[in-house]
Amino acid sequence: MRSKSTRILVECAMMIALATALSFVKIIELPQGGSVTCVSMAPLALISFRHGVKWGMLAAFVHSLLQMLIQFYPPPANTLIAFAGVILLDYVLAFTALGAAAFFGRPFKSRIAAAAVGSAAGGFIRFICSFLSGILIWGSYAPEGTPVWLYSLTYNGSYMLPEIALTALASALLIPALDRVKLGG
């Protein structure tokens, strides 16, 4: 039993490292943060499908801390509330939600469909976190005359929708191969 837990922990560490490395491969990068990456969210969602929601959320939480350390964007307002909001909405809650992908994929019998839908659902929760952050914290960047909610929707949607689509596709394509890999004993 201990050997299996150690192997899962090592696999999670490798997937966190892969997600972190892929987060630097940016296809599109926006000026106030956010980017379309080379499927950097997929390894986090795949941990959830491979080892369950608990391991998925733990790994995604660790990844959120790494992202915060490596690529932190400070909020425009210099208040403790804005700082805490960025930490929670842009990093901790946003990335940790990706680890719940297996939960959202449970209704589907097909592992491929479950991986695609679950990954998309986790990505959508990340989008909601970014959308709320855009309204509550980053609203000062909205062009004059543009409603803050519309600015946040278009800004965050411009990179999150392609990122979610790529993640869902990658997860659906990779889950059959991962299902064939056994942990051993």
N, C-alpha and C. Protein backbone atom coordinates (compact mmCIF):
# COMPACT_ATOMS: atom_id res chain seq x y z
N MET A 1 0.83 -1.20 0.00
CA MET A 1 0.00 0.00 0.00
C MET A 1 0.87 1.25 0.00
N ARG A 2 1.89 1.25 0.86
CA ARG A 2 2.77 2.42 0.95
C ARG A 2 3.47 2.65 -0.39
N SER A 3 3.87 1.58 -1.04
CA SER A 3 4.55 1.69 -2.33
C SER A 3 3.63 2.33 -3.38
N LYS A 4 2.35 1.94 -3.36
CA LYS A 4 1.41 2.51 -4.33
C LYS A 4 1.22 4.01 -4.08
N SER A 5 1.09 4.42 -2.82
CA SER A 5 0.94 5.85 -2.51
C SER A 5 2.17 6.63 -2.94
N THR A 6 3.32 6.05 -2.74
CA THR A 6 4.57 6.72 -3.15
C THR A 6 4.61 6.88 -4.66
N ARG A 7 4.19 5.85 -5.37
CA ARG A 7 4.17 5.92 -6.84
C ARG A 7 3.18 6.98 -7.33
N ILE A 8 2.03 7.06 -6.68
CA ILE A 8 1.03 8.08 -7.06
C ILE A 8 1.61 9.47 -6.79
N LEU A 9 2.25 9.64 -5.65
CA LEU A 9 2.84 10.93 -5.30
C LEU A 9 3.91 11.33 -6.32
N VAL A 10 4.73 10.39 -6.74
CA VAL A 10 5.76 10.67 -7.74
C VAL A 10 5.12 11.02 -9.08
N GLU A 11 4.09 10.27 -9.46
CA GLU A 11 3.40 10.57 -10.71
C GLU A 11 2.76 11.95 -10.67
N CYS A 12 2.16 12.30 -9.54
CA CYS A 12 1.56 13.63 -9.39
C CYS A 12 2.63 14.72 -9.50
N ALA A 13 3.78 14.49 -8.86
CA ALA A 13 4.87 15.46 -8.93
C ALA A 13 5.33 15.65 -10.37
N MET A 14 5.40 14.56 -11.12
CA MET A 14 5.81 14.66 -12.52
C MET A 14 4.79 15.42 -13.34
N MET A 15 3.50 15.19 -13.08
CA MET A 15 2.45 15.90 -13.82
C MET A 15 2.40 17.38 -13.44
N ILE A 16 2.66 17.69 -12.18
CA ILE A 16 2.75 19.10 -11.76
C ILE A 16 3.91 19.77 -12.49
N ALA A 17 5.05 19.08 -12.54
CA ALA A 17 6.21 19.63 -13.25
C ALA A 17 5.90 19.82 -14.73
N LEU A 18 5.21 18.86 -15.32
CA LEU A 18 4.83 18.98 -16.74
C LEU A 18 3.88 20.15 -16.95
N ALA A 19 2.88 20.29 -16.09
CA ALA A 19 1.94 21.40 -16.21
C ALA A 19 2.67 22.74 -16.06
N THR A 20 3.61 22.80 -15.14
CA THR A 20 4.37 24.04 -14.93
C THR A 20 5.23 24.34 -16.15
N ALA A 21 5.91 23.34 -16.68
CA ALA A 21 6.74 23.55 -17.88
C ALA A 21 5.89 23.98 -19.06
N LEU A 22 4.74 23.34 -19.25
CA LEU A 22 3.86 23.69 -20.37
C LEU A 22 3.27 25.09 -20.22
N SER A 23 3.17 25.58 -18.99
CA SER A 23 2.62 26.93 -18.79
C SER A 23 3.55 28.01 -19.35
N PHE A 24 4.80 27.65 -19.60
CA PHE A 24 5.74 28.60 -20.19
C PHE A 24 5.70 28.58 -21.72
N VAL A 25 5.05 27.58 -22.30
CA VAL A 25 4.90 27.49 -23.75
C VAL A 25 3.60 28.19 -24.11
N LYS A 26 3.71 29.49 -24.38
CA LYS A 26 2.53 30.33 -24.58
C LYS A 26 2.29 30.57 -26.06
N ILE A 27 1.10 30.19 -26.48
CA ILE A 27 0.69 30.40 -27.86
C ILE A 27 0.24 31.85 -28.04
N ILE A 28 -0.52 32.34 -27.07
CA ILE A 28 -0.99 33.74 -27.03
C ILE A 28 -0.83 34.21 -25.59
N GLU A 29 -0.28 35.42 -25.41
CA GLU A 29 -0.13 35.98 -24.07
C GLU A 29 -0.77 37.37 -24.04
N LEU A 30 -1.59 37.60 -23.03
CA LEU A 30 -2.28 38.88 -22.89
C LEU A 30 -1.51 39.82 -21.96
N PRO A 31 -1.69 41.13 -22.12
CA PRO A 31 -0.86 42.10 -21.39
C PRO A 31 -1.07 42.13 -19.88
N GLN A 32 -2.25 41.89 -19.38
CA GLN A 32 -2.49 41.93 -17.92
C GLN A 32 -2.57 40.53 -17.33
N GLY A 33 -1.93 39.58 -17.96
CA GLY A 33 -1.95 38.21 -17.48
C GLY A 33 -2.95 37.38 -18.25
N GLY A 34 -2.74 36.09 -18.20
CA GLY A 34 -3.58 35.17 -18.94
C GLY A 34 -2.94 34.84 -20.27
N SER A 35 -3.04 33.57 -20.64
CA SER A 35 -2.46 33.14 -21.91
C SER A 35 -3.08 31.82 -22.34
N VAL A 36 -2.97 31.56 -23.63
CA VAL A 36 -3.29 30.25 -24.17
C VAL A 36 -1.97 29.51 -24.21
N THR A 37 -1.92 28.40 -23.48
CA THR A 37 -0.67 27.64 -23.38
C THR A 37 -0.79 26.34 -24.17
N CYS A 38 0.29 25.63 -24.17
CA CYS A 38 0.34 24.33 -24.83
C CYS A 38 -0.23 23.28 -23.86
N VAL A 39 -1.53 23.33 -23.65
CA VAL A 39 -2.32 22.42 -22.82
C VAL A 39 -1.77 22.22 -21.40
N SER A 40 -1.38 23.32 -20.76
CA SER A 40 -0.80 23.21 -19.42
C SER A 40 -1.80 22.77 -18.36
N MET A 41 -3.10 22.90 -18.61
CA MET A 41 -4.10 22.46 -17.63
C MET A 41 -4.38 20.96 -17.72
N ALA A 42 -4.06 20.34 -18.84
CA ALA A 42 -4.39 18.93 -19.06
C ALA A 42 -3.73 17.98 -18.05
N PRO A 43 -2.45 18.13 -17.72
CA PRO A 43 -1.87 17.19 -16.74
C PRO A 43 -2.59 17.22 -15.39
N LEU A 44 -3.09 18.37 -14.98
CA LEU A 44 -3.79 18.48 -13.70
C LEU A 44 -5.13 17.76 -13.76
N ALA A 45 -5.85 17.92 -14.86
CA ALA A 45 -7.12 17.22 -15.02
C ALA A 45 -6.90 15.72 -15.12
N LEU A 46 -5.85 15.31 -15.80
CA LEU A 46 -5.58 13.88 -15.97
C LEU A 46 -5.23 13.19 -14.65
N ILE A 47 -4.58 13.90 -13.74
CA ILE A 47 -4.32 13.32 -12.42
C ILE A 47 -5.64 12.95 -11.76
N SER A 48 -6.61 13.81 -11.88
CA SER A 48 -7.92 13.58 -11.29
C SER A 48 -8.56 12.30 -11.86
N PHE A 49 -8.46 12.10 -13.15
CA PHE A 49 -9.04 10.91 -13.78
C PHE A 49 -8.25 9.65 -13.45
N ARG A 50 -6.99 9.81 -13.29
CA ARG A 50 -6.13 8.65 -13.04
C ARG A 50 -6.17 8.21 -11.58
N HIS A 51 -6.21 9.17 -10.65
CA HIS A 51 -6.07 8.82 -9.24
C HIS A 51 -7.18 9.35 -8.34
N GLY A 52 -8.15 10.03 -8.91
CA GLY A 52 -9.28 10.50 -8.12
C GLY A 52 -9.21 11.99 -7.82
N VAL A 53 -10.35 12.49 -7.37
CA VAL A 53 -10.51 13.92 -7.12
C VAL A 53 -9.57 14.41 -6.01
N LYS A 54 -9.40 13.61 -4.96
CA LYS A 54 -8.53 14.02 -3.85
C LYS A 54 -7.11 14.30 -4.33
N TRP A 55 -6.54 13.34 -5.05
CA TRP A 55 -5.18 13.53 -5.57
C TRP A 55 -5.15 14.66 -6.61
N GLY A 56 -6.19 14.73 -7.44
CA GLY A 56 -6.26 15.77 -8.47
C GLY A 56 -6.28 17.16 -7.87
N MET A 57 -7.11 17.36 -6.84
CA MET A 57 -7.19 18.69 -6.24
C MET A 57 -5.94 19.02 -5.44
N LEU A 58 -5.34 18.04 -4.81
CA LEU A 58 -4.09 18.28 -4.08
C LEU A 58 -2.98 18.70 -5.06
N ALA A 59 -2.86 17.98 -6.15
CA ALA A 59 -1.83 18.32 -7.15
C ALA A 59 -2.11 19.68 -7.78
N ALA A 60 -3.36 19.95 -8.09
CA ALA A 60 -3.71 21.24 -8.69
C ALA A 60 -3.48 22.39 -7.71
N PHE A 61 -3.71 22.15 -6.42
CA PHE A 61 -3.43 23.16 -5.40
C PHE A 61 -1.92 23.45 -5.35
N VAL A 62 -1.11 22.42 -5.37
CA VAL A 62 0.35 22.61 -5.37
C VAL A 62 0.76 23.39 -6.62
N HIS A 63 0.16 23.05 -7.75
CA HIS A 63 0.46 23.78 -8.99
C HIS A 63 0.07 25.25 -8.86
N SER A 64 -1.06 25.53 -8.20
CA SER A 64 -1.48 26.92 -8.02
C SER A 64 -0.44 27.71 -7.24
N LEU A 65 0.15 27.09 -6.24
CA LEU A 65 1.19 27.76 -5.46
C LEU A 65 2.43 28.01 -6.30
N LEU A 66 2.79 27.04 -7.13
CA LEU A 66 3.94 27.23 -8.03
C LEU A 66 3.68 28.35 -9.03
N GLN A 67 2.49 28.38 -9.61
CA GLN A 67 2.14 29.44 -10.55
C GLN A 67 2.22 30.81 -9.88
N MET A 68 1.77 30.87 -8.65
CA MET A 68 1.80 32.13 -7.91
C MET A 68 3.25 32.57 -7.68
N LEU A 69 4.11 31.63 -7.34
CA LEU A 69 5.52 31.96 -7.10
C LEU A 69 6.25 32.37 -8.38
N ILE A 70 5.91 31.73 -9.48
CA ILE A 70 6.65 31.92 -10.73
C ILE A 70 6.09 33.06 -11.58
N GLN A 71 4.75 33.17 -11.67
CA GLN A 71 4.14 34.09 -12.63
C GLN A 71 3.11 35.01 -11.99
N PHE A 72 3.36 35.51 -10.81
CA PHE A 72 2.38 36.32 -10.09
C PHE A 72 2.22 37.70 -10.73
N TYR A 73 0.94 38.09 -10.94
CA TYR A 73 0.61 39.43 -11.41
C TYR A 73 0.01 40.19 -10.23
N PRO A 74 0.69 41.22 -9.72
CA PRO A 74 0.13 41.97 -8.58
C PRO A 74 -1.11 42.75 -8.99
N PRO A 75 -2.07 42.87 -8.06
CA PRO A 75 -3.31 43.58 -8.38
C PRO A 75 -3.07 45.08 -8.55
N PRO A 76 -3.95 45.76 -9.31
CA PRO A 76 -3.78 47.20 -9.51
C PRO A 76 -4.02 48.00 -8.24
N ALA A 77 -4.83 47.50 -7.32
CA ALA A 77 -5.09 48.20 -6.05
C ALA A 77 -4.14 47.65 -4.99
N ASN A 78 -3.52 48.53 -4.26
CA ASN A 78 -2.56 48.12 -3.24
C ASN A 78 -3.24 47.92 -1.89
N THR A 79 -4.23 47.03 -1.86
CA THR A 79 -4.92 46.75 -0.61
C THR A 79 -4.77 45.27 -0.29
N LEU A 80 -4.92 44.95 0.96
CA LEU A 80 -4.83 43.55 1.40
C LEU A 80 -5.96 42.73 0.79
N ILE A 81 -7.14 43.32 0.68
CA ILE A 81 -8.28 42.61 0.11
C ILE A 81 -8.04 42.27 -1.36
N ALA A 82 -7.51 43.23 -2.12
CA ALA A 82 -7.22 42.98 -3.54
C ALA A 82 -6.13 41.91 -3.68
N PHE A 83 -5.13 41.97 -2.84
CA PHE A 83 -4.05 40.98 -2.87
C PHE A 83 -4.60 39.59 -2.56
N ALA A 84 -5.42 39.48 -1.51
CA ALA A 84 -6.03 38.20 -1.15
C ALA A 84 -6.96 37.71 -2.26
N GLY A 85 -7.69 38.63 -2.88
CA GLY A 85 -8.57 38.26 -3.99
C GLY A 85 -7.82 37.68 -5.16
N VAL A 86 -6.69 38.27 -5.50
CA VAL A 86 -5.87 37.74 -6.59
C VAL A 86 -5.37 36.35 -6.24
N ILE A 87 -4.88 36.19 -5.03
CA ILE A 87 -4.36 34.88 -4.61
C ILE A 87 -5.46 33.82 -4.70
N LEU A 88 -6.63 34.13 -4.19
CA LEU A 88 -7.71 33.15 -4.19
C LEU A 88 -8.31 32.93 -5.58
N LEU A 89 -8.74 34.01 -6.23
CA LEU A 89 -9.47 33.87 -7.49
C LEU A 89 -8.58 33.55 -8.69
N ASP A 90 -7.42 34.16 -8.77
CA ASP A 90 -6.57 33.96 -9.94
C ASP A 90 -5.64 32.75 -9.82
N TYR A 91 -5.43 32.28 -8.62
CA TYR A 91 -4.50 31.17 -8.44
C TYR A 91 -5.13 29.99 -7.70
N VAL A 92 -5.34 30.10 -6.41
CA VAL A 92 -5.71 28.95 -5.60
C VAL A 92 -7.02 28.30 -6.06
N LEU A 93 -8.11 29.04 -6.04
CA LEU A 93 -9.40 28.45 -6.45
C LEU A 93 -9.41 28.08 -7.93
N ALA A 94 -8.87 28.96 -8.76
CA ALA A 94 -8.90 28.75 -10.21
C ALA A 94 -8.20 27.45 -10.61
N PHE A 95 -6.97 27.26 -10.14
CA PHE A 95 -6.22 26.08 -10.54
C PHE A 95 -6.67 24.83 -9.80
N THR A 96 -7.03 24.96 -8.53
CA THR A 96 -7.46 23.79 -7.75
C THR A 96 -8.71 23.17 -8.35
N ALA A 97 -9.58 23.97 -8.94
CA ALA A 97 -10.80 23.46 -9.57
C ALA A 97 -10.49 22.45 -10.68
N LEU A 98 -9.35 22.58 -11.33
CA LEU A 98 -8.98 21.65 -12.39
C LEU A 98 -8.83 20.23 -11.86
N GLY A 99 -8.45 20.11 -10.60
CA GLY A 99 -8.29 18.80 -10.00
C GLY A 99 -9.59 18.06 -9.75
N ALA A 100 -10.70 18.75 -9.89
CA ALA A 100 -12.02 18.12 -9.71
C ALA A 100 -12.59 17.59 -11.02
N ALA A 101 -11.79 17.54 -12.05
CA ALA A 101 -12.27 17.13 -13.37
C ALA A 101 -12.96 15.77 -13.35
N ALA A 102 -12.43 14.82 -12.61
CA ALA A 102 -13.04 13.48 -12.56
C ALA A 102 -14.45 13.53 -11.96
N PHE A 103 -14.66 14.42 -11.02
CA PHE A 103 -16.00 14.57 -10.42
C PHE A 103 -17.01 14.96 -11.49
N PHE A 104 -16.65 15.92 -12.34
CA PHE A 104 -17.55 16.40 -13.38
C PHE A 104 -17.72 15.40 -14.51
N GLY A 105 -16.77 14.49 -14.67
CA GLY A 105 -16.86 13.48 -15.72
C GLY A 105 -17.59 12.23 -15.30
N ARG A 106 -17.96 12.10 -14.02
CA ARG A 106 -18.60 10.87 -13.50
C ARG A 106 -19.86 10.43 -14.24
N PRO A 107 -20.73 11.33 -14.68
CA PRO A 107 -21.96 10.86 -15.33
C PRO A 107 -21.74 10.14 -16.67
N PHE A 108 -20.54 10.21 -17.22
CA PHE A 108 -20.29 9.65 -18.55
C PHE A 108 -19.65 8.27 -18.45
N LYS A 109 -20.19 7.33 -19.21
CA LYS A 109 -19.65 5.96 -19.20
C LYS A 109 -18.34 5.88 -19.99
N SER A 110 -18.26 6.64 -21.05
CA SER A 110 -17.06 6.65 -21.87
C SER A 110 -15.98 7.48 -21.17
N ARG A 111 -14.79 6.88 -20.99
CA ARG A 111 -13.68 7.60 -20.35
C ARG A 111 -13.25 8.80 -21.20
N ILE A 112 -13.36 8.67 -22.50
CA ILE A 112 -12.97 9.77 -23.39
C ILE A 112 -13.92 10.95 -23.21
N ALA A 113 -15.22 10.67 -23.21
CA ALA A 113 -16.21 11.73 -23.00
C ALA A 113 -16.06 12.32 -21.60
N ALA A 114 -15.84 11.47 -20.61
CA ALA A 114 -15.67 11.95 -19.23
C ALA A 114 -14.46 12.87 -19.13
N ALA A 115 -13.37 12.50 -19.78
CA ALA A 115 -12.15 13.32 -19.74
C ALA A 115 -12.39 14.66 -20.42
N ALA A 116 -13.07 14.65 -21.55
CA ALA A 116 -13.32 15.89 -22.27
C ALA A 116 -14.26 16.80 -21.48
N VAL A 117 -15.37 16.26 -21.03
CA VAL A 117 -16.35 17.08 -20.31
C VAL A 117 -15.82 17.51 -18.95
N GLY A 118 -15.20 16.58 -18.22
CA GLY A 118 -14.66 16.91 -16.90
C GLY A 118 -13.58 17.97 -16.97
N SER A 119 -12.69 17.86 -17.95
CA SER A 119 -11.64 18.86 -18.12
C SER A 119 -12.23 20.21 -18.50
N ALA A 120 -13.21 20.18 -19.37
CA ALA A 120 -13.86 21.44 -19.77
C ALA A 120 -14.58 22.07 -18.57
N ALA A 121 -15.23 21.26 -17.74
CA ALA A 121 -15.92 21.79 -16.57
C ALA A 121 -14.94 22.40 -15.57
N GLY A 122 -13.82 21.71 -15.32
CA GLY A 122 -12.79 22.28 -14.45
C GLY A 122 -12.24 23.58 -15.00
N GLY A 123 -12.03 23.62 -16.33
CA GLY A 123 -11.57 24.84 -16.98
C GLY A 123 -12.60 25.94 -16.91
N PHE A 124 -13.88 25.57 -17.00
CA PHE A 124 -14.94 26.58 -16.91
C PHE A 124 -14.98 27.20 -15.51
N ILE A 125 -14.77 26.41 -14.49
CA ILE A 125 -14.72 26.97 -13.14
C ILE A 125 -13.53 27.92 -13.02
N ARG A 126 -12.41 27.55 -13.64
CA ARG A 126 -11.26 28.47 -13.65
C ARG A 126 -11.64 29.78 -14.36
N PHE A 127 -12.37 29.67 -15.45
CA PHE A 127 -12.84 30.87 -16.17
C PHE A 127 -13.73 31.72 -15.26
N ILE A 128 -14.66 31.11 -14.55
CA ILE A 128 -15.55 31.85 -13.65
C ILE A 128 -14.73 32.60 -12.59
N CYS A 129 -13.72 31.95 -12.05
CA CYS A 129 -12.84 32.61 -11.07
C CYS A 129 -12.16 33.82 -11.70
N SER A 130 -11.64 33.66 -12.91
CA SER A 130 -10.98 34.76 -13.61
C SER A 130 -11.97 35.87 -13.95
N PHE A 131 -13.17 35.50 -14.35
CA PHE A 131 -14.22 36.46 -14.67
C PHE A 131 -14.55 37.29 -13.43
N LEU A 132 -14.74 36.63 -12.29
CA LEU A 132 -15.04 37.35 -11.05
C LEU A 132 -13.88 38.24 -10.62
N SER A 133 -12.67 37.73 -10.77
CA SER A 133 -11.48 38.53 -10.46
C SER A 133 -11.41 39.76 -11.34
N GLY A 134 -11.75 39.59 -12.62
CA GLY A 134 -11.75 40.72 -13.55
C GLY A 134 -12.73 41.80 -13.14
N ILE A 135 -13.86 41.40 -12.60
CA ILE A 135 -14.86 42.37 -12.16
C ILE A 135 -14.45 43.01 -10.84
N LEU A 136 -14.06 42.18 -9.88
CA LEU A 136 -13.81 42.66 -8.52
C LEU A 136 -12.46 43.33 -8.33
N ILE A 137 -11.45 42.89 -9.09
CA ILE A 137 -10.08 43.36 -8.83
C ILE A 137 -9.48 44.11 -10.02
N TRP A 138 -9.62 43.58 -11.20
CA TRP A 138 -8.95 44.13 -12.37
C TRP A 138 -9.82 45.10 -13.17
N GLY A 139 -10.96 45.48 -12.66
CA GLY A 139 -11.90 46.34 -13.38
C GLY A 139 -11.34 47.68 -13.80
N SER A 140 -10.30 48.16 -13.12
CA SER A 140 -9.72 49.46 -13.48
C SER A 140 -9.08 49.45 -14.87
N TYR A 141 -8.84 48.27 -15.44
CA TYR A 141 -8.26 48.17 -16.78
C TYR A 141 -9.32 48.27 -17.88
N ALA A 142 -10.58 48.23 -17.51
CA ALA A 142 -11.65 48.32 -18.51
C ALA A 142 -11.59 49.66 -19.22
N PRO A 143 -11.70 49.67 -20.55
CA PRO A 143 -11.72 50.93 -21.27
C PRO A 143 -12.91 51.79 -20.82
N GLU A 144 -12.71 53.08 -20.88
CA GLU A 144 -13.76 54.01 -20.45
C GLU A 144 -15.02 53.76 -21.26
N GLY A 145 -16.14 53.68 -20.55
CA GLY A 145 -17.44 53.47 -21.20
C GLY A 145 -17.80 52.00 -21.37
N THR A 146 -16.86 51.09 -21.10
CA THR A 146 -17.14 49.66 -21.22
C THR A 146 -17.54 49.12 -19.85
N PRO A 147 -18.67 48.44 -19.76
CA PRO A 147 -19.04 47.85 -18.47
C PRO A 147 -17.97 46.86 -18.01
N VAL A 148 -17.67 46.88 -16.73
CA VAL A 148 -16.61 46.04 -16.18
C VAL A 148 -16.88 44.56 -16.44
N TRP A 149 -18.14 44.13 -16.32
CA TRP A 149 -18.46 42.72 -16.54
C TRP A 149 -18.19 42.31 -17.98
N LEU A 150 -18.46 43.23 -18.94
CA LEU A 150 -18.22 42.92 -20.35
C LEU A 150 -16.73 42.87 -20.64
N TYR A 151 -15.99 43.80 -20.05
CA TYR A 151 -14.53 43.78 -20.21
C TYR A 151 -13.97 42.46 -19.68
N SER A 152 -14.39 42.07 -18.47
CA SER A 152 -13.88 40.84 -17.87
C SER A 152 -14.28 39.61 -18.70
N LEU A 153 -15.50 39.59 -19.18
CA LEU A 153 -15.97 38.48 -20.00
C LEU A 153 -15.15 38.33 -21.28
N THR A 154 -14.94 39.44 -21.98
CA THR A 154 -14.20 39.36 -23.25
C THR A 154 -12.71 39.12 -23.03
N TYR A 155 -12.14 39.80 -22.03
CA TYR A 155 -10.70 39.62 -21.77
C TYR A 155 -10.41 38.18 -21.37
N ASN A 156 -11.11 37.70 -20.35
CA ASN A 156 -10.86 36.35 -19.85
C ASN A 156 -11.33 35.28 -20.82
N GLY A 157 -12.43 35.54 -21.52
CA GLY A 157 -12.91 34.58 -22.51
C GLY A 157 -11.96 34.43 -23.68
N SER A 158 -11.24 35.51 -24.03
CA SER A 158 -10.35 35.47 -25.19
C SER A 158 -9.21 34.47 -25.03
N TYR A 159 -8.80 34.21 -23.82
CA TYR A 159 -7.73 33.21 -23.64
C TYR A 159 -8.24 31.93 -22.98
N MET A 160 -9.28 32.04 -22.12
CA MET A 160 -9.75 30.84 -21.42
C MET A 160 -10.54 29.90 -22.32
N LEU A 161 -11.35 30.41 -23.22
CA LEU A 161 -12.12 29.52 -24.09
C LEU A 161 -11.22 28.65 -24.97
N PRO A 162 -10.21 29.23 -25.65
CA PRO A 162 -9.30 28.35 -26.40
C PRO A 162 -8.52 27.40 -25.48
N GLU A 163 -8.12 27.88 -24.32
CA GLU A 163 -7.38 27.04 -23.37
C GLU A 163 -8.25 25.85 -22.91
N ILE A 164 -9.52 26.11 -22.63
CA ILE A 164 -10.43 25.05 -22.22
C ILE A 164 -10.63 24.03 -23.35
N ALA A 165 -10.83 24.52 -24.56
CA ALA A 165 -11.03 23.63 -25.70
C ALA A 165 -9.81 22.75 -25.94
N LEU A 166 -8.62 23.35 -25.90
CA LEU A 166 -7.39 22.57 -26.09
C LEU A 166 -7.20 21.54 -24.98
N THR A 167 -7.51 21.93 -23.75
CA THR A 167 -7.37 21.02 -22.61
C THR A 167 -8.33 19.85 -22.73
N ALA A 168 -9.58 20.12 -23.09
CA ALA A 168 -10.57 19.05 -23.24
C ALA A 168 -10.15 18.08 -24.34
N LEU A 169 -9.66 18.62 -25.45
CA LEU A 169 -9.21 17.78 -26.56
C LEU A 169 -8.00 16.94 -26.15
N ALA A 170 -7.02 17.56 -25.52
CA ALA A 170 -5.82 16.83 -25.10
C ALA A 170 -6.16 15.76 -24.08
N SER A 171 -7.03 16.08 -23.14
CA SER A 171 -7.43 15.10 -22.12
C SER A 171 -8.13 13.91 -22.75
N ALA A 172 -9.03 14.17 -23.69
CA ALA A 172 -9.75 13.09 -24.38
C ALA A 172 -8.79 12.21 -25.18
N LEU A 173 -7.78 12.82 -25.79
CA LEU A 173 -6.83 12.05 -26.59
C LEU A 173 -5.85 11.26 -25.73
N LEU A 174 -5.49 11.79 -24.56
CA LEU A 174 -4.48 11.16 -23.72
C LEU A 174 -5.01 10.14 -22.73
N ILE A 175 -6.26 10.23 -22.33
CA ILE A 175 -6.79 9.34 -21.30
C ILE A 175 -6.72 7.86 -21.69
N PRO A 176 -6.96 7.48 -22.96
CA PRO A 176 -6.84 6.05 -23.29
C PRO A 176 -5.40 5.53 -23.07
N ALA A 177 -4.42 6.33 -23.41
CA ALA A 177 -3.03 5.91 -23.21
C ALA A 177 -2.70 5.81 -21.73
N LEU A 178 -3.16 6.76 -20.95
CA LEU A 178 -2.90 6.73 -19.49
C LEU A 178 -3.61 5.55 -18.83
N ASP A 179 -4.78 5.21 -19.33
CA ASP A 179 -5.52 4.07 -18.76
C ASP A 179 -4.77 2.76 -18.98
N ARG A 180 -3.93 2.68 -20.01
CA ARG A 180 -3.16 1.46 -20.26
C ARG A 180 -1.93 1.35 -19.38
N VAL A 181 -1.51 2.46 -18.78
CA VAL A 181 -0.31 2.45 -17.93
C VAL A 181 -0.72 2.05 -16.52
N LYS A 182 -0.14 0.99 -16.03
CA LYS A 182 -0.44 0.51 -14.67
C LYS A 182 0.63 1.01 -13.71
N LEU A 183 0.19 1.24 -12.46
CA LEU A 183 1.14 1.68 -11.43
C LEU A 183 2.05 0.55 -10.99
N GLY A 184 1.64 -0.63 -11.08
CA GLY A 184 2.44 -1.75 -10.58
C GLY A 184 2.30 -1.89 -9.09
N GLY A 185 2.98 -2.76 -8.50
CA GLY A 185 2.79 -2.97 -7.10
C GLY A 185 4.02 -3.29 -6.41
